[in-house]
Structure formats: C-alpha cells, structure tokens
Amino acid sequence: MIQKTLSLSAWIPLLSLAIIWGGSFLAYALILREVPVFTLVANRVFWACLTLWFIVAFLRIPIPNLKQCGVLFIMGILNNVIPFSLIAWGQTVIESGLASILNGTTAIITFALASLIFKDERLSYNKGIGLFLAFIGVCIVIGFDTLANFNLRSLAQLALILACFSYAVAAIWARSKLKGVNPIMAATGMLTSASLIMIPLAILVDGPPNFRLETITILSMIFLSLPATAIAYLLYYKALNLAGSANLSLVTLLVPPMAVIWGAIFLEEKLMPTAYLGFLFITIGMCFIDGRLFNSKKR
C-alpha cells in the first residue's frame, strides 16, 4: 500500500494555511473584545459561505446530491460549529498563545486516529520522530513557562483540546466520506451547514447583533471570514487530497510559530531567541515527516 507523502504541491497549500490561520488567533482576540462568542462564529461562517456561493455560481459547479449534502452537514458541525465555538470561548479565558499551542494537539490526535483507520497513513518510525521534534519546536517557540502553567482542570483549556479532537475527526470524516465532491463545493456546503446552525444559535443566545463596532473589530472579522475561512478551506480540501488527513493536520504545528510572526508584525512584539530555536526543531521535524531528505540519501 502506497503511503501518503508530502509532495511540494502539498506543502504549498499547507504552508499557506499555516500563515493564514496563524493570524486567526490574533483576530479572535481583537473581535472578542466587542463581539460575543456565538455571534463571532456565526459571522465567520456566514460571510465565508456567502463568498463561496458566488464562486460556485460563477464557475457553475454542480450541487451535491442528497447523500453528499448529509456528509457536508456533518462536516460543518465537526469542522466549524464545534471547534470554532470552543476556540472562541476558550480565548475569552486563556491567552491566545496558549490557545495556539493547544491547537497543535490536533496533529497528535489525527495521526493517532488516521493510523488506526487508513492503511496508507500508518505512523512510521520517521514520522513519529518528526512529529515529536516538531511539537517540541512549537513548545519552544511559545515558551515552556506557558506549559508549566497548563492545567488540565481548566475548562477553557479542555475546550481547546476538545476542539482539536473535533478537527481530527473532521479530517478523517472528510477523507472517508467526501468523495466525488468538488473541493469548492465541499467548502461551501460545509460552511452553509454551519451557518444554518450558528445564526439561529447566535440570535437565541447572544441576542441581536451589534453593528456599532470599532474599525479594528470589523477588519478582524473580514480577515477571519474571508482569508482565514473562505480562502483557507479551499486550500484545506486541496491539501487533504494531496497529503491525506494525518499529514494535513501538521498545519496545526506550523500555526503557533506563524501566530508569533503575526504578533511581531501587527503588535510590534519582538521574537525571543528561543523562537528561532523552535523554528529549527520544527524544520528538522518536518524533514523527518516529509522523508524526501532521507530517501535521497538512500539513492
């Protein structure tokens, strides 16, 4: 059985996702100053969904059948409704740095689940070493002092871990069930399902939306809805087909360093020397997971 590997064409959308999603933690933090959790999530999925429907109409992409719509509905719950809500609520309690490192556990969970389900995603020795080194690199970038304060009894931290589990199940569900659906239509259907759930929930729990928001909040919402959701999920499905669900989950190991970069650019935060050491560990880990460096030595 041929194992799923990370080709150059798979790395491009993977790294693009990391750059975009790295900024989503900053966007969450800025938006949550004025917007309640469910309203934030409802806006994120609705505007992204609306954007993608224009693309679907322009390209005349076929609408999925009833069975595929059911699969996309479940995907919307697993990949949007549950994790987006848990992450947003978690960031009202814990700092974005801790949220981003907890988000990295998605890769660990997905690799474990995928290795049990898919024959072409078995966890090899090199991948195991690479995953461990990459995760250590993330820890170094964020800071071990953050991990020292990690408390599993904290409900907010548990919410982030549950969000990661939902992401992992979503990746496996997509690979198992989403066959024959155009990637753009898959992203559109998933976000449409999430919108149908989140909009009524936001109105019921948070009440009518507040339209008098600061400019930075509006800009953050636009970023979260369009680049970080609409565009990102087009890249997500492309990467899923090229790399497999376990390899795709590696993006969550790249997001925390990217989040640090976003903070340095927009919040004028200075990177500590440990950040560069962390990047080195992540690079070495990715070389192990990618495998091409070692394969070239064998030739």
Protein backbone atom coordinates (compact mmCIF):
# COMPACT_ATOMS: atom_id res chain seq x y z
CA MET A 1 0.00 0.00 0.00
CA ILE A 2 1.46 3.38 -1.08
CA GLN A 3 1.71 5.76 1.87
CA LYS A 4 0.53 9.35 1.63
CA THR A 5 3.55 11.67 1.49
CA LEU A 6 4.10 15.43 1.45
CA SER A 7 4.99 16.49 -2.08
CA LEU A 8 5.96 20.04 -2.98
CA SER A 9 2.46 20.62 -4.36
CA ALA A 10 1.07 19.58 -0.96
CA TRP A 11 3.49 21.75 1.03
CA ILE A 12 2.40 24.93 -0.76
CA PRO A 13 -1.26 24.92 0.44
CA LEU A 14 -0.12 23.54 3.80
CA LEU A 15 2.24 26.45 4.47
CA SER A 16 -0.31 28.93 3.11
CA LEU A 17 -2.85 27.61 5.59
CA ALA A 18 -0.36 27.99 8.43
CA ILE A 19 0.31 31.63 7.54
CA ILE A 20 -3.39 32.48 7.29
CA TRP A 21 -4.58 30.51 10.31
CA GLY A 22 -1.70 31.87 12.36
CA GLY A 23 -3.44 35.23 12.17
CA SER A 24 -6.81 33.84 13.23
CA PHE A 25 -5.79 33.75 16.91
CA LEU A 26 -4.97 37.45 16.77
CA ALA A 27 -8.28 38.11 15.00
CA TYR A 28 -10.20 36.17 17.66
CA ALA A 29 -8.57 38.20 20.42
CA LEU A 30 -9.44 41.50 18.76
CA ILE A 31 -13.02 40.58 17.87
CA LEU A 32 -13.91 39.10 21.27
CA ARG A 33 -13.40 42.50 22.88
CA GLU A 34 -16.74 43.57 21.39
CA VAL A 35 -18.49 40.52 19.92
CA PRO A 36 -19.93 37.52 21.85
CA VAL A 37 -18.71 34.00 21.05
CA PHE A 38 -21.61 32.60 19.02
CA THR A 39 -22.08 35.87 17.11
CA LEU A 40 -18.39 35.80 16.19
CA VAL A 41 -18.65 32.25 14.87
CA ALA A 42 -21.92 32.97 13.04
CA ASN A 43 -20.33 35.93 11.24
CA ARG A 44 -17.24 33.94 10.39
CA VAL A 45 -19.08 31.07 8.71
CA PHE A 46 -21.88 33.13 7.11
CA TRP A 47 -19.74 35.67 5.23
CA ALA A 48 -17.33 32.96 4.15
CA CYS A 49 -20.23 30.83 2.97
CA LEU A 50 -21.76 33.74 1.03
CA THR A 51 -18.45 34.44 -0.69
CA LEU A 52 -18.04 30.84 -1.76
CA TRP A 53 -21.59 30.66 -3.14
CA PHE A 54 -20.69 33.49 -5.55
CA ILE A 55 -17.69 31.45 -6.70
CA VAL A 56 -19.85 28.33 -7.07
CA ALA A 57 -22.38 30.26 -9.17
CA PHE A 58 -19.69 31.89 -11.32
CA LEU A 59 -17.94 28.60 -12.04
CA ARG A 60 -21.26 26.72 -12.35
CA ILE A 61 -20.13 23.98 -10.01
CA PRO A 62 -22.66 21.13 -9.68
CA ILE A 63 -24.70 20.98 -6.50
CA PRO A 64 -24.05 17.81 -4.43
CA ASN A 65 -26.70 15.12 -4.16
CA LEU A 66 -28.76 14.48 -1.03
CA LYS A 67 -26.31 11.94 0.41
CA GLN A 68 -23.37 14.27 -0.13
CA CYS A 69 -25.31 17.12 1.49
CA GLY A 70 -25.73 14.94 4.57
CA VAL A 71 -21.98 14.31 4.68
CA LEU A 72 -21.30 18.04 4.34
CA PHE A 73 -23.76 18.83 7.12
CA ILE A 74 -21.83 16.57 9.50
CA MET A 75 -18.60 18.13 8.24
CA GLY A 76 -19.92 21.59 9.06
CA ILE A 77 -20.61 20.51 12.63
CA LEU A 78 -17.26 18.76 13.14
CA ASN A 79 -15.02 21.27 11.36
CA ASN A 80 -16.81 24.55 12.09
CA VAL A 81 -19.59 24.65 14.65
CA ILE A 82 -17.89 22.70 17.45
CA PRO A 83 -14.22 23.77 17.13
CA PHE A 84 -14.87 27.42 16.23
CA SER A 85 -17.19 27.84 19.21
CA LEU A 86 -14.87 26.06 21.63
CA ILE A 87 -11.80 28.02 20.49
CA ALA A 88 -13.62 31.36 20.64
CA TRP A 89 -14.94 30.64 24.14
CA GLY A 90 -11.55 29.35 25.25
CA GLN A 91 -9.88 32.57 24.16
CA THR A 92 -12.17 34.56 26.41
CA VAL A 93 -10.49 32.83 29.34
CA ILE A 94 -6.93 31.95 28.28
CA GLU A 95 -4.34 33.87 26.27
CA SER A 96 -4.04 33.35 22.52
CA GLY A 97 -0.51 31.91 22.83
CA LEU A 98 -1.69 29.04 24.99
CA ALA A 99 -4.69 28.56 22.69
CA SER A 100 -2.40 28.22 19.68
CA ILE A 101 -0.15 25.63 21.30
CA LEU A 102 -3.13 23.60 22.45
CA ASN A 103 -4.40 23.76 18.88
CA GLY A 104 -1.22 21.93 17.88
CA THR A 105 -2.50 18.77 19.57
CA THR A 106 -4.77 18.31 16.54
CA ALA A 107 -1.83 16.76 14.70
CA ILE A 108 -1.17 14.30 17.50
CA ILE A 109 -4.81 13.20 17.66
CA THR A 110 -5.24 12.99 13.88
CA PHE A 111 -2.10 10.95 13.34
CA ALA A 112 -3.21 8.52 16.04
CA LEU A 113 -6.72 8.12 14.63
CA ALA A 114 -5.68 8.03 10.96
CA SER A 115 -3.01 5.41 11.60
CA LEU A 116 -5.71 3.14 13.00
CA ILE A 117 -8.16 3.70 10.15
CA PHE A 118 -6.25 4.26 6.90
CA LYS A 119 -3.71 1.76 5.59
CA ASP A 120 -1.85 4.45 3.62
CA GLU A 121 -1.40 6.70 6.67
CA ARG A 122 0.40 4.36 9.04
CA LEU A 123 2.58 6.13 11.58
CA SER A 124 6.13 5.21 10.55
CA TYR A 125 9.20 5.48 12.75
CA ASN A 126 10.46 8.58 10.92
CA LYS A 127 7.07 10.28 11.07
CA GLY A 128 6.84 9.56 14.78
CA ILE A 129 10.25 11.14 15.41
CA GLY A 130 9.41 14.08 13.16
CA LEU A 131 6.10 14.71 14.86
CA PHE A 132 7.76 14.66 18.28
CA LEU A 133 10.51 17.08 17.23
CA ALA A 134 8.05 19.44 15.56
CA PHE A 135 5.84 19.53 18.64
CA ILE A 136 8.90 20.23 20.83
CA GLY A 137 9.72 23.08 18.46
CA VAL A 138 6.25 24.55 18.92
CA CYS A 139 6.67 24.33 22.70
CA ILE A 140 9.99 26.18 22.48
CA VAL A 141 8.52 28.93 20.32
CA ILE A 142 5.58 29.52 22.63
CA GLY A 143 7.68 29.03 25.78
CA PHE A 144 7.96 26.23 28.29
CA ASP A 145 6.81 28.64 31.00
CA THR A 146 3.41 28.62 29.30
CA LEU A 147 3.33 24.83 29.50
CA ALA A 148 4.31 24.96 33.16
CA ASN A 149 1.08 26.84 33.87
CA PHE A 150 -1.00 24.36 31.85
CA ASN A 151 -3.83 22.98 33.95
CA LEU A 152 -5.98 20.18 32.54
CA ARG A 153 -8.66 21.01 35.07
CA SER A 154 -9.14 24.34 33.45
CA LEU A 155 -12.38 24.23 31.48
CA ALA A 156 -11.07 26.62 28.86
CA GLN A 157 -8.01 24.51 28.16
CA LEU A 158 -10.18 21.41 27.97
CA ALA A 159 -12.38 23.24 25.44
CA LEU A 160 -9.35 23.78 23.19
CA ILE A 161 -8.41 20.10 23.42
CA LEU A 162 -11.96 19.07 22.54
CA ALA A 163 -11.83 21.44 19.57
CA CYS A 164 -8.69 19.67 18.37
CA PHE A 165 -10.39 16.29 18.68
CA SER A 166 -13.29 17.61 16.59
CA TYR A 167 -10.86 18.85 13.93
CA ALA A 168 -9.17 15.44 13.85
CA VAL A 169 -12.45 13.57 13.42
CA ALA A 170 -13.48 16.06 10.71
CA ALA A 171 -10.30 15.41 8.70
CA ILE A 172 -10.87 11.65 8.83
CA TRP A 173 -14.59 12.02 8.06
CA ALA A 174 -13.79 14.19 5.03
CA ARG A 175 -11.33 11.70 3.59
CA SER A 176 -13.64 8.75 4.23
CA LYS A 177 -16.92 10.24 3.03
CA LEU A 178 -16.25 13.28 0.83
CA LYS A 179 -15.61 11.56 -2.46
CA GLY A 180 -16.67 12.96 -5.79
CA VAL A 181 -17.46 16.42 -4.40
CA ASN A 182 -15.77 19.45 -5.92
CA PRO A 183 -13.43 20.98 -3.26
CA ILE A 184 -15.04 24.41 -3.64
CA MET A 185 -18.50 22.91 -3.28
CA ALA A 186 -17.32 20.90 -0.28
CA ALA A 187 -16.13 24.03 1.50
CA THR A 188 -19.30 25.89 0.52
CA GLY A 189 -21.63 23.13 1.71
CA MET A 190 -19.75 22.72 4.97
CA LEU A 191 -19.91 26.44 5.78
CA THR A 192 -23.54 26.64 4.68
CA SER A 193 -24.44 23.90 7.16
CA ALA A 194 -22.52 25.68 9.89
CA SER A 195 -24.31 28.96 9.08
CA LEU A 196 -27.74 27.32 9.32
CA ILE A 197 -26.82 26.20 12.84
CA MET A 198 -24.85 29.20 14.12
CA ILE A 199 -27.06 32.09 13.01
CA PRO A 200 -30.18 30.97 14.97
CA LEU A 201 -27.96 29.93 17.90
CA ALA A 202 -26.24 33.34 17.98
CA ILE A 203 -29.54 35.22 17.95
CA LEU A 204 -31.01 32.94 20.62
CA VAL A 205 -28.03 33.09 22.98
CA ASP A 206 -26.33 36.44 22.24
CA GLY A 207 -29.34 38.44 21.06
CA PRO A 208 -29.45 40.83 18.06
CA PRO A 209 -26.01 41.70 16.63
CA ASN A 210 -24.30 44.99 17.45
CA PHE A 211 -23.45 46.94 14.30
CA ARG A 212 -21.59 49.75 16.08
CA LEU A 213 -18.16 48.19 16.17
CA GLU A 214 -14.64 49.61 16.12
CA THR A 215 -12.83 49.61 12.80
CA ILE A 216 -10.22 47.12 14.02
CA THR A 217 -13.00 44.72 15.01
CA ILE A 218 -14.62 44.97 11.58
CA LEU A 219 -11.29 44.45 9.79
CA SER A 220 -10.51 41.46 12.00
CA MET A 221 -13.93 39.98 11.19
CA ILE A 222 -13.30 40.43 7.47
CA PHE A 223 -9.94 38.69 7.79
CA LEU A 224 -11.42 35.85 9.86
CA SER A 225 -14.32 35.33 7.43
CA LEU A 226 -12.57 35.67 4.07
CA PRO A 227 -8.84 34.75 4.10
CA ALA A 228 -8.98 32.66 7.29
CA THR A 229 -12.15 30.77 6.34
CA ALA A 230 -13.38 31.07 2.73
CA ILE A 231 -9.95 31.02 1.08
CA ALA A 232 -8.39 28.80 3.73
CA TYR A 233 -10.90 25.99 3.27
CA LEU A 234 -10.30 25.95 -0.47
CA LEU A 235 -6.66 25.29 0.40
CA TYR A 236 -7.76 22.83 3.10
CA TYR A 237 -9.53 20.48 0.70
CA LYS A 238 -6.76 20.76 -1.87
CA ALA A 239 -4.18 19.82 0.75
CA LEU A 240 -6.39 17.00 2.05
CA ASN A 241 -6.49 15.35 -1.36
CA LEU A 242 -2.75 15.76 -1.88
CA ALA A 243 -1.42 14.90 1.58
CA GLY A 244 -4.03 12.87 3.47
CA SER A 245 -5.74 13.68 6.76
CA ALA A 246 -2.78 12.96 9.06
CA ASN A 247 -0.27 14.96 7.03
CA LEU A 248 -2.80 17.79 6.70
CA SER A 249 -3.03 18.03 10.49
CA LEU A 250 0.63 19.10 10.53
CA VAL A 251 -0.60 22.60 9.71
CA THR A 252 -1.59 22.91 13.39
CA LEU A 253 2.08 22.51 14.33
CA LEU A 254 3.03 25.35 11.99
CA VAL A 255 0.28 27.73 13.15
CA PRO A 256 1.79 28.76 16.54
CA PRO A 257 5.09 29.99 15.05
CA MET A 258 3.11 31.86 12.40
CA ALA A 259 0.94 33.36 15.14
CA VAL A 260 4.12 34.66 16.77
CA ILE A 261 5.14 36.29 13.48
CA TRP A 262 1.72 37.93 13.09
CA GLY A 263 2.06 39.31 16.61
CA ALA A 264 5.53 40.66 15.84
CA ILE A 265 4.27 42.45 12.73
CA PHE A 266 0.98 43.90 13.97
CA LEU A 267 1.57 44.18 17.71
CA GLU A 268 5.29 45.00 17.47
CA GLU A 269 6.15 42.02 19.61
CA LYS A 270 9.83 41.03 19.50
CA LEU A 271 10.77 37.42 18.84
CA MET A 272 12.91 35.84 21.56
CA PRO A 273 15.99 33.78 20.57
CA THR A 274 14.07 30.68 21.65
CA ALA A 275 11.62 31.33 18.80
CA TYR A 276 14.37 30.72 16.25
CA LEU A 277 15.47 27.60 18.13
CA GLY A 278 11.88 26.40 17.96
CA PHE A 279 11.75 27.01 14.22
CA LEU A 280 14.89 24.89 13.88
CA PHE A 281 13.26 21.98 15.72
CA ILE A 282 10.13 22.31 13.58
CA THR A 283 12.20 22.35 10.39
CA ILE A 284 14.10 19.20 11.42
CA GLY A 285 10.84 17.51 12.42
CA MET A 286 9.24 18.35 9.09
CA CYS A 287 12.25 16.87 7.29
CA PHE A 288 11.68 13.59 9.13
CA ILE A 289 7.96 13.63 8.32
CA ASP A 290 8.48 14.65 4.70
CA GLY A 291 11.01 11.85 4.21
CA ARG A 292 12.48 13.07 0.92
CA LEU A 293 15.78 14.10 2.51
CA PHE A 294 16.34 10.59 3.85
CA ASN A 295 15.12 8.93 0.68
CA SER A 296 17.60 10.94 -1.37
CA LYS A 297 20.45 9.70 0.82
CA LYS A 298 19.49 6.11 0.13
CA ARG A 299 19.79 6.52 -3.61
